Amino acid sequence: METFKAYYTGQASGPVQAFTVTFEQGKPADVPARFRDKVAGNQYFSTDAPKTSAPAPTPPLSPGGDVFEAKHRGGGSYSIMRGDVEVVDRLSKTDAETFNAMSADEKADYVSDRE
C-alpha cells in the first residue's frame, strides 16, 4: 500500500485518530495515499515537517551598545541612557557629570540600584 508522511498540527494534547492513522503532535505518520487530498485540504494536518521553535534571538543592542551614559534631555533634566534607551531619568546636571566620571562597573551598579 502506498503511503505518504503527514503531521498533525492542531492543538490536541494527546494522540489524534484521523484517516485511519493515529497522529502524535509533531511526529510523522504514514497515511494511506488515498487520503492525500483530504490531508492537503485540512487545516490541522500538513505534509511538511513542523517548524521547531528556535529560541528567540537576543535583540541587538541599540547604538551605544552596553554603555551607560548620562545625557541632557532638555529643560535642565538629564537621563542615563543605554544607547538610545532611557534607563534612569530625572538627574541633576551634577549627578549626570558624577555618573559620567564613574567606571563601567560603578555605572552598572548605580543603574541596577535605581531600576
Protein backbone atom coordinates (compact mmCIF):
# COMPACT_ATOMS: atom_id res chain seq x y z
CA MET A 1 0.00 0.00 0.00
CA GLU A 2 1.34 3.42 -0.95
CA THR A 3 1.64 5.94 1.88
CA PHE A 4 2.93 9.48 2.49
CA LYS A 5 4.16 11.30 5.58
CA ALA A 6 1.78 13.70 7.30
CA TYR A 7 1.88 15.67 10.55
CA TYR A 8 -0.84 16.74 12.97
CA THR A 9 -0.55 20.50 13.58
CA GLY A 10 -3.65 21.11 15.73
CA GLN A 11 -3.86 21.86 19.44
CA ALA A 12 -4.87 18.47 20.87
CA SER A 13 -2.64 17.42 23.75
CA GLY A 14 -2.80 13.67 23.12
CA PRO A 15 -2.88 11.34 20.16
CA VAL A 16 -5.37 12.11 17.38
CA GLN A 17 -7.09 9.45 15.27
CA ALA A 18 -7.75 10.50 11.65
CA PHE A 19 -7.52 8.98 8.18
CA THR A 20 -7.22 5.50 9.77
CA VAL A 21 -3.98 6.63 11.43
CA THR A 22 -3.03 7.71 14.96
CA PHE A 23 -1.10 11.01 14.95
CA GLU A 24 1.18 12.32 17.70
CA GLN A 25 1.84 16.07 17.80
CA GLY A 26 4.89 16.94 15.67
CA LYS A 27 5.69 13.34 14.68
CA PRO A 28 5.31 11.99 11.15
CA ALA A 29 2.69 9.35 10.45
CA ASP A 30 2.35 7.15 7.38
CA VAL A 31 -1.03 7.94 5.83
CA PRO A 32 -2.57 5.86 3.02
CA ALA A 33 -2.18 7.63 -0.32
CA ARG A 34 -5.95 7.69 -0.90
CA PHE A 35 -6.23 10.38 1.83
CA ARG A 36 -3.66 12.76 0.27
CA ASP A 37 -6.29 15.28 -0.94
CA LYS A 38 -8.14 15.23 2.39
CA VAL A 39 -4.95 15.87 4.34
CA ALA A 40 -3.95 18.68 1.96
CA GLY A 41 -7.31 20.38 2.48
CA ASN A 42 -7.36 20.07 6.27
CA GLN A 43 -6.07 22.95 8.43
CA TYR A 44 -4.97 20.58 11.21
CA PHE A 45 -2.67 18.43 9.10
CA SER A 46 0.38 19.09 6.95
CA THR A 47 2.67 17.15 4.68
CA ASP A 48 5.52 19.48 5.63
CA ALA A 49 7.60 18.79 8.70
CA PRO A 50 6.58 21.17 11.50
CA LYS A 51 8.95 24.01 12.18
CA THR A 52 10.64 23.75 15.53
CA SER A 53 10.55 26.91 17.54
CA ALA A 54 14.06 28.19 17.97
CA PRO A 55 14.83 30.34 20.99
CA ALA A 56 14.02 33.95 20.37
CA PRO A 57 17.07 35.82 19.18
CA THR A 58 18.51 38.36 21.54
CA PRO A 59 17.59 41.78 20.19
CA PRO A 60 20.59 43.76 19.03
CA LEU A 61 21.73 46.49 21.35
CA SER A 62 20.88 49.96 20.26
CA PRO A 63 23.67 52.25 19.10
CA GLY A 64 25.97 52.73 22.04
CA GLY A 65 25.55 49.07 22.93
CA ASP A 66 26.03 48.16 26.55
CA VAL A 67 27.50 51.54 27.52
CA PHE A 68 25.71 53.74 30.05
CA GLU A 69 25.97 57.49 29.62
CA ALA A 70 24.15 60.40 31.24
CA LYS A 71 22.80 62.80 28.62
CA HIS A 72 20.96 66.10 28.70
CA ARG A 73 17.30 65.58 27.78
CA GLY A 74 16.19 69.20 27.80
CA GLY A 75 14.66 71.52 30.38
CA GLY A 76 17.57 71.05 32.76
CA SER A 77 16.88 67.31 33.04
CA TYR A 78 19.42 64.55 32.48
CA SER A 79 18.86 60.83 31.91
CA ILE A 80 21.07 57.77 31.96
CA MET A 81 20.93 56.17 28.56
CA ARG A 82 21.93 52.74 27.29
CA GLY A 83 22.37 53.52 23.62
CA ASP A 84 19.06 55.13 22.64
CA VAL A 85 17.11 53.68 25.59
CA GLU A 86 16.48 55.75 28.70
CA VAL A 87 17.12 53.63 31.81
CA VAL A 88 17.12 56.27 34.59
CA ASP A 89 15.53 59.70 34.32
CA ARG A 90 15.42 62.99 36.25
CA LEU A 91 19.05 63.52 37.17
CA SER A 92 20.55 66.87 38.01
CA LYS A 93 23.47 68.17 35.98
CA THR A 94 25.80 67.47 38.92
CA ASP A 95 24.54 63.87 39.22
CA ALA A 96 24.95 63.37 35.47
CA GLU A 97 28.53 64.66 35.50
CA THR A 98 29.35 62.49 38.50
CA PHE A 99 27.82 59.46 36.79
CA ASN A 100 29.78 60.00 33.58
CA ALA A 101 33.03 60.09 35.61
CA MET A 102 32.36 56.60 37.07
CA SER A 103 33.90 53.35 35.81
CA ALA A 104 31.74 50.96 33.74
CA ASP A 105 31.24 48.67 36.77
CA GLU A 106 30.25 51.59 39.01
CA LYS A 107 27.79 52.78 36.37
CA ALA A 108 26.21 49.31 36.11
CA ASP A 109 25.84 49.12 39.90
CA TYR A 110 24.36 52.61 40.06
CA VAL A 111 21.80 51.79 37.38
CA SER A 112 20.83 48.46 38.94
CA ASP A 113 20.21 50.23 42.27
CA ARG A 114 17.92 52.80 40.60
CA GLU A 115 15.85 50.48 38.36
